[in-house]
Amino acid sequence: MTPSDPYQRLIDFLDAGEAKYRLIDHEPEGRTDLVSPMRGNDLHDAAKCMVVMVKIGKKSKRYVLAVVPGDAKVDLTAVRDLFDGTYVSFATPEIAENLAGSVAGTILPFTFHPDLELIADPGLLDTQELYFNAARLDRSMALRTSDYQALAQPRTEKIAQYEP
């Protein structure tokens, strides 16, 4: 790992905040919904992270790191409505990677970029431990939910949509 590696940056941040976490080494795999059960984790406890673009009026845009439980989807309409937006979509991979500091499929539920607001669904926070699967990397993390809340300080809003 290099110092610019998003996991190393996160580890340094968590260590400075004296957070309790475990690193989980594994082979790079696939999507969160497939990876969590393979690793013995409840899918609901996995953080699914998406960078969303909200257009406000004709000229203004906001970018949001939307974090929902692994068994849910991001409710784009709910995110749009939080900002009184006129349009919402997932950010392009290039923009998402630039703002998140990592490639799609490895985005962590933390933001270190001033132009990326962090919003977490409250359903994600109803467990004792969260899993960040980073399916495209060879390492994942388990972190106490209370440490996540204290260090990430996410805006908490209902942005998860569950399949019927």
C-alpha atoms as a PDB file:
ATOM      1  CA  MET A   1       0.000   0.000   0.000  1.00  0.00           C
ATOM      2  CA  THR A   2       1.142   3.479  -0.790  1.00  0.00           C
ATOM      3  CA  PRO A   3       0.464   6.581   1.344  1.00  0.00           C
ATOM      4  CA  SER A   4      -2.048   7.762  -1.273  1.00  0.00           C
ATOM      5  CA  ASP A   5      -3.965   4.496  -0.910  1.00  0.00           C
ATOM      6  CA  PRO A   6      -7.469   5.332   0.381  1.00  0.00           C
ATOM      7  CA  TYR A   7      -7.311   2.509   2.916  1.00  0.00           C
ATOM      8  CA  GLN A   8      -4.027   3.750   4.360  1.00  0.00           C
ATOM      9  CA  ARG A   9      -5.435   7.269   4.637  1.00  0.00           C
ATOM     10  CA  LEU A  10      -8.482   5.856   6.400  1.00  0.00           C
ATOM     11  CA  ILE A  11      -6.364   3.696   8.716  1.00  0.00           C
ATOM     12  CA  ASP A  12      -4.260   6.710   9.684  1.00  0.00           C
ATOM     13  CA  PHE A  13      -7.455   8.699  10.363  1.00  0.00           C
ATOM     14  CA  LEU A  14      -9.006   5.887  12.441  1.00  0.00           C
ATOM     15  CA  ASP A  15      -5.799   5.355  14.409  1.00  0.00           C
ATOM     16  CA  ALA A  16      -5.627   9.074  15.225  1.00  0.00           C
ATOM     17  CA  GLY A  17      -9.244   8.875  16.449  1.00  0.00           C
ATOM     18  CA  GLU A  18      -8.488   5.714  18.469  1.00  0.00           C
ATOM     19  CA  ALA A  19     -11.241   3.796  16.660  1.00  0.00           C
ATOM     20  CA  LYS A  20     -11.699   0.051  17.072  1.00  0.00           C
ATOM     21  CA  TYR A  21     -11.553  -1.749  13.730  1.00  0.00           C
ATOM     22  CA  ARG A  22     -10.431  -4.985  12.085  1.00  0.00           C
ATOM     23  CA  LEU A  23      -8.870  -5.375   8.664  1.00  0.00           C
ATOM     24  CA  ILE A  24     -10.055  -8.376   6.684  1.00  0.00           C
ATOM     25  CA  ASP A  25      -7.741  -9.680   3.956  1.00  0.00           C
ATOM     26  CA  HIS A  26      -9.302 -11.526   0.996  1.00  0.00           C
ATOM     27  CA  GLU A  27      -9.147 -11.902  -2.745  1.00  0.00           C
ATOM     28  CA  PRO A  28     -10.650  -9.079  -4.822  1.00  0.00           C
ATOM     29  CA  GLU A  29     -14.201 -10.125  -5.566  1.00  0.00           C
ATOM     30  CA  GLY A  30     -17.421  -8.546  -6.824  1.00  0.00           C
ATOM     31  CA  ARG A  31     -20.337  -6.465  -5.651  1.00  0.00           C
ATOM     32  CA  THR A  32     -21.255  -5.863  -1.998  1.00  0.00           C
ATOM     33  CA  ASP A  33     -24.447  -7.902  -2.215  1.00  0.00           C
ATOM     34  CA  LEU A  34     -22.430 -10.934  -3.338  1.00  0.00           C
ATOM     35  CA  VAL A  35     -19.357 -10.343  -1.204  1.00  0.00           C
ATOM     36  CA  SER A  36     -20.922  -9.885   2.257  1.00  0.00           C
ATOM     37  CA  PRO A  37     -22.483 -13.350   2.496  1.00  0.00           C
ATOM     38  CA  MET A  38     -19.278 -14.895   1.097  1.00  0.00           C
ATOM     39  CA  ARG A  39     -17.374 -13.309   3.979  1.00  0.00           C
ATOM     40  CA  GLY A  40     -19.937 -14.301   6.618  1.00  0.00           C
ATOM     41  CA  ASN A  41     -21.291 -10.764   7.127  1.00  0.00           C
ATOM     42  CA  ASP A  42     -24.946  -9.789   7.222  1.00  0.00           C
ATOM     43  CA  LEU A  43     -25.631  -7.795   4.058  1.00  0.00           C
ATOM     44  CA  HIS A  44     -27.536  -5.140   6.039  1.00  0.00           C
ATOM     45  CA  ASP A  45     -24.332  -4.393   8.027  1.00  0.00           C
ATOM     46  CA  ALA A  46     -22.330  -3.579   4.912  1.00  0.00           C
ATOM     47  CA  ALA A  47     -21.923   0.054   3.895  1.00  0.00           C
ATOM     48  CA  LYS A  48     -22.905   0.606   0.256  1.00  0.00           C
ATOM     49  CA  CYS A  49     -21.413   3.907  -0.954  1.00  0.00           C
ATOM     50  CA  MET A  50     -22.389   5.906  -4.038  1.00  0.00           C
ATOM     51  CA  VAL A  51     -21.394   9.379  -5.188  1.00  0.00           C
ATOM     52  CA  VAL A  52     -24.488  11.281  -6.301  1.00  0.00           C
ATOM     53  CA  MET A  53     -24.744  14.553  -8.232  1.00  0.00           C
ATOM     54  CA  VAL A  54     -27.625  16.896  -7.376  1.00  0.00           C
ATOM     55  CA  LYS A  55     -28.361  19.735  -9.762  1.00  0.00           C
ATOM     56  CA  ILE A  56     -29.915  22.754  -8.081  1.00  0.00           C
ATOM     57  CA  GLY A  57     -31.454  25.217 -10.488  1.00  0.00           C
ATOM     58  CA  LYS A  58     -29.698  25.769 -13.789  1.00  0.00           C
ATOM     59  CA  LYS A  59     -26.109  26.348 -12.695  1.00  0.00           C
ATOM     60  CA  SER A  60     -25.417  24.814  -9.292  1.00  0.00           C
ATOM     61  CA  LYS A  61     -24.358  21.230  -8.514  1.00  0.00           C
ATOM     62  CA  ARG A  62     -23.683  19.436  -5.242  1.00  0.00           C
ATOM     63  CA  TYR A  63     -21.998  16.100  -4.819  1.00  0.00           C
ATOM     64  CA  VAL A  64     -23.022  13.721  -2.059  1.00  0.00           C
ATOM     65  CA  LEU A  65     -21.477  10.514  -0.774  1.00  0.00           C
ATOM     66  CA  ALA A  66     -24.658   8.529  -0.071  1.00  0.00           C
ATOM     67  CA  VAL A  67     -24.144   5.584   2.291  1.00  0.00           C
ATOM     68  CA  VAL A  68     -26.892   3.016   2.758  1.00  0.00           C
ATOM     69  CA  PRO A  69     -27.102  -0.523   4.140  1.00  0.00           C
ATOM     70  CA  GLY A  70     -25.914  -3.219   1.739  1.00  0.00           C
ATOM     71  CA  ASP A  71     -29.422  -4.628   1.340  1.00  0.00           C
ATOM     72  CA  ALA A  72     -30.809  -1.284   0.106  1.00  0.00           C
ATOM     73  CA  LYS A  73     -30.439   1.050  -2.852  1.00  0.00           C
ATOM     74  CA  VAL A  74     -29.855   4.805  -2.721  1.00  0.00           C
ATOM     75  CA  ASP A  75     -33.184   6.598  -3.070  1.00  0.00           C
ATOM     76  CA  LEU A  76     -32.147   9.264  -5.564  1.00  0.00           C
ATOM     77  CA  THR A  77     -35.418  11.150  -5.167  1.00  0.00           C
ATOM     78  CA  ALA A  78     -34.872  11.440  -1.415  1.00  0.00           C
ATOM     79  CA  VAL A  79     -31.346  12.786  -1.982  1.00  0.00           C
ATOM     80  CA  ARG A  80     -32.622  15.287  -4.565  1.00  0.00           C
ATOM     81  CA  ASP A  81     -35.349  16.474  -2.195  1.00  0.00           C
ATOM     82  CA  LEU A  82     -32.851  17.081   0.642  1.00  0.00           C
ATOM     83  CA  PHE A  83     -31.283  19.827  -1.493  1.00  0.00           C
ATOM     84  CA  ASP A  84     -34.419  21.065  -3.253  1.00  0.00           C
ATOM     85  CA  GLY A  85     -32.728  19.838  -6.390  1.00  0.00           C
ATOM     86  CA  THR A  86     -34.109  19.855  -9.892  1.00  0.00           C
ATOM     87  CA  TYR A  87     -32.240  16.759 -11.095  1.00  0.00           C
ATOM     88  CA  VAL A  88     -30.251  13.918  -9.551  1.00  0.00           C
ATOM     89  CA  SER A  89     -28.072  11.135 -10.897  1.00  0.00           C
ATOM     90  CA  PHE A  90     -25.091   9.046  -9.970  1.00  0.00           C
ATOM     91  CA  ALA A  91     -21.874  10.974 -10.601  1.00  0.00           C
ATOM     92  CA  THR A  92     -19.749   9.904 -13.531  1.00  0.00           C
ATOM     93  CA  PRO A  93     -17.020   7.418 -12.594  1.00  0.00           C
ATOM     94  CA  GLU A  94     -14.349  10.073 -13.196  1.00  0.00           C
ATOM     95  CA  ILE A  95     -15.985  12.595 -10.867  1.00  0.00           C
ATOM     96  CA  ALA A  96     -16.797   9.949  -8.243  1.00  0.00           C
ATOM     97  CA  GLU A  97     -13.222   8.675  -8.242  1.00  0.00           C
ATOM     98  CA  ASN A  98     -11.791  12.188  -8.017  1.00  0.00           C
ATOM     99  CA  LEU A  99     -14.021  13.224  -5.104  1.00  0.00           C
ATOM    100  CA  ALA A 100     -13.841   9.901  -3.227  1.00  0.00           C
ATOM    101  CA  GLY A 101     -10.127   9.410  -3.847  1.00  0.00           C
ATOM    102  CA  SER A 102     -10.623   5.838  -5.014  1.00  0.00           C
ATOM    103  CA  VAL A 103     -12.018   3.887  -7.943  1.00  0.00           C
ATOM    104  CA  ALA A 104     -15.646   2.800  -8.156  1.00  0.00           C
ATOM    105  CA  GLY A 105     -16.182  -0.403  -6.219  1.00  0.00           C
ATOM    106  CA  THR A 106     -13.730   0.709  -3.528  1.00  0.00           C
ATOM    107  CA  ILE A 107     -15.422   3.892  -2.283  1.00  0.00           C
ATOM    108  CA  LEU A 108     -15.364   4.094   1.492  1.00  0.00           C
ATOM    109  CA  PRO A 109     -18.113   5.615   3.697  1.00  0.00           C
ATOM    110  CA  PHE A 110     -15.854   8.524   4.673  1.00  0.00           C
ATOM    111  CA  THR A 111     -15.181  11.723   2.814  1.00  0.00           C
ATOM    112  CA  PHE A 112     -11.967  13.676   2.904  1.00  0.00           C
ATOM    113  CA  HIS A 113     -12.907  16.043   0.055  1.00  0.00           C
ATOM    114  CA  PRO A 114     -14.531  19.402   0.917  1.00  0.00           C
ATOM    115  CA  ASP A 115     -16.851  19.214  -2.122  1.00  0.00           C
ATOM    116  CA  LEU A 116     -18.309  15.844  -1.122  1.00  0.00           C
ATOM    117  CA  GLU A 117     -20.963  15.868   1.606  1.00  0.00           C
ATOM    118  CA  LEU A 118     -21.489  12.633   3.544  1.00  0.00           C
ATOM    119  CA  ILE A 119     -25.045  11.440   4.160  1.00  0.00           C
ATOM    120  CA  ALA A 120     -25.718   8.103   5.863  1.00  0.00           C
ATOM    121  CA  ASP A 121     -29.081   6.415   6.139  1.00  0.00           C
ATOM    122  CA  PRO A 122     -30.072   5.801   9.794  1.00  0.00           C
ATOM    123  CA  GLY A 123     -30.702   2.130   8.961  1.00  0.00           C
ATOM    124  CA  LEU A 124     -26.965   1.733   8.481  1.00  0.00           C
ATOM    125  CA  LEU A 125     -26.352   2.830  12.044  1.00  0.00           C
ATOM    126  CA  ASP A 126     -28.568   0.278  13.808  1.00  0.00           C
ATOM    127  CA  THR A 127     -25.839  -2.347  14.091  1.00  0.00           C
ATOM    128  CA  GLN A 128     -22.828  -2.616  16.401  1.00  0.00           C
ATOM    129  CA  GLU A 129     -20.291  -3.119  13.617  1.00  0.00           C
ATOM    130  CA  LEU A 130     -20.184  -1.915  10.012  1.00  0.00           C
ATOM    131  CA  TYR A 131     -18.393  -3.644   7.146  1.00  0.00           C
ATOM    132  CA  PHE A 132     -16.737  -1.792   4.301  1.00  0.00           C
ATOM    133  CA  ASN A 133     -16.353  -4.497   1.697  1.00  0.00           C
ATOM    134  CA  ALA A 134     -14.333  -2.716  -0.982  1.00  0.00           C
ATOM    135  CA  ALA A 135     -14.992  -5.615  -3.284  1.00  0.00           C
ATOM    136  CA  ARG A 136     -12.393  -4.591  -5.866  1.00  0.00           C
ATOM    137  CA  LEU A 137      -9.590  -4.493  -3.311  1.00  0.00           C
ATOM    138  CA  ASP A 138      -7.932  -7.270  -1.358  1.00  0.00           C
ATOM    139  CA  ARG A 139      -8.882  -5.813   1.993  1.00  0.00           C
ATOM    140  CA  SER A 140     -12.079  -4.890   3.793  1.00  0.00           C
ATOM    141  CA  MET A 141     -12.740  -3.423   7.196  1.00  0.00           C
ATOM    142  CA  ALA A 142     -15.058  -3.926  10.138  1.00  0.00           C
ATOM    143  CA  LEU A 143     -15.537  -0.824  12.300  1.00  0.00           C
ATOM    144  CA  ARG A 144     -17.598  -0.171  15.416  1.00  0.00           C
ATOM    145  CA  THR A 145     -20.632   1.835  14.371  1.00  0.00           C
ATOM    146  CA  SER A 146     -20.184   4.239  17.277  1.00  0.00           C
ATOM    147  CA  ASP A 147     -16.640   5.019  16.070  1.00  0.00           C
ATOM    148  CA  TYR A 148     -17.924   5.538  12.532  1.00  0.00           C
ATOM    149  CA  GLN A 149     -20.521   8.024  13.754  1.00  0.00           C
ATOM    150  CA  ALA A 150     -18.043   9.874  15.983  1.00  0.00           C
ATOM    151  CA  LEU A 151     -15.287  10.164  13.385  1.00  0.00           C
ATOM    152  CA  ALA A 152     -17.188  10.470  10.099  1.00  0.00           C
ATOM    153  CA  GLN A 153     -19.933  12.659  11.569  1.00  0.00           C
ATOM    154  CA  PRO A 154     -22.320  11.889   8.727  1.00  0.00           C
ATOM    155  CA  ARG A 155     -25.473  13.837   8.117  1.00  0.00           C
ATOM    156  CA  THR A 156     -28.151  11.254   8.915  1.00  0.00           C
ATOM    157  CA  GLU A 157     -31.135  11.202   6.562  1.00  0.00           C
ATOM    158  CA  LYS A 158     -33.505   8.542   5.208  1.00  0.00           C
ATOM    159  CA  ILE A 159     -31.983   7.882   1.795  1.00  0.00           C
ATOM    160  CA  ALA A 160     -32.298   4.090   1.573  1.00  0.00           C
ATOM    161  CA  GLN A 161     -34.817   2.347  -0.632  1.00  0.00           C
ATOM    162  CA  TYR A 162     -35.579  -1.323   0.020  1.00  0.00           C
ATOM    163  CA  GLU A 163     -36.913  -3.775  -2.532  1.00  0.00           C
ATOM    164  CA  PRO A 164     -40.475  -4.914  -1.768  1.00  0.00           C
END
